[in-house]
Amino acid sequence: MTSYEGTLASVVSGDV
């Protein structure tokens, strides 16, 4: 997983 994908996952999960 790229850092970009990781960021998207965080946004979708609602992490801040």
N, C-alpha and C. Protein backbone atom coordinates (compact mmCIF):
# COMPACT_ATOMS: atom_id res chain seq x y z
N MET A 1 0.85 -1.20 0.00
CA MET A 1 0.00 0.00 0.00
C MET A 1 0.88 1.25 0.00
N THR A 2 0.54 2.18 -0.87
CA THR A 2 1.31 3.42 -0.93
C THR A 2 0.83 4.39 0.15
N SER A 3 1.63 5.39 0.43
CA SER A 3 1.24 6.39 1.43
C SER A 3 -0.05 7.09 0.99
N TYR A 4 -0.21 7.23 -0.34
CA TYR A 4 -1.42 7.86 -0.88
C TYR A 4 -2.65 7.03 -0.54
N GLU A 5 -2.55 5.73 -0.76
CA GLU A 5 -3.65 4.83 -0.45
C GLU A 5 -3.92 4.82 1.06
N GLY A 6 -2.85 4.87 1.83
CA GLY A 6 -3.00 4.90 3.28
C GLY A 6 -3.75 6.14 3.73
N THR A 7 -3.46 7.26 3.06
CA THR A 7 -4.15 8.51 3.39
C THR A 7 -5.63 8.40 3.07
N LEU A 8 -5.95 7.84 1.91
CA LEU A 8 -7.35 7.68 1.53
C LEU A 8 -8.07 6.79 2.53
N ALA A 9 -7.42 5.73 2.97
CA ALA A 9 -8.01 4.81 3.93
C ALA A 9 -8.32 5.54 5.23
N SER A 10 -7.40 6.42 5.65
CA SER A 10 -7.60 7.18 6.88
C SER A 10 -8.79 8.11 6.76
N VAL A 11 -8.92 8.76 5.60
CA VAL A 11 -10.03 9.68 5.38
C VAL A 11 -11.35 8.93 5.39
N VAL A 12 -11.39 7.79 4.71
CA VAL A 12 -12.62 7.00 4.63
C VAL A 12 -12.99 6.48 6.01
N SER A 13 -11.98 6.12 6.81
CA SER A 13 -12.23 5.58 8.13
C SER A 13 -12.64 6.68 9.11
N GLY A 14 -12.37 7.93 8.73
CA GLY A 14 -12.74 9.05 9.59
C GLY A 14 -11.66 9.39 10.59
N ASP A 15 -10.44 8.83 10.37
CA ASP A 15 -9.33 9.14 11.27
C ASP A 15 -8.87 10.58 11.05
N VAL A 16 -8.39 11.18 12.10
CA VAL A 16 -7.90 12.56 11.96
C VAL A 16 -6.46 12.66 12.45
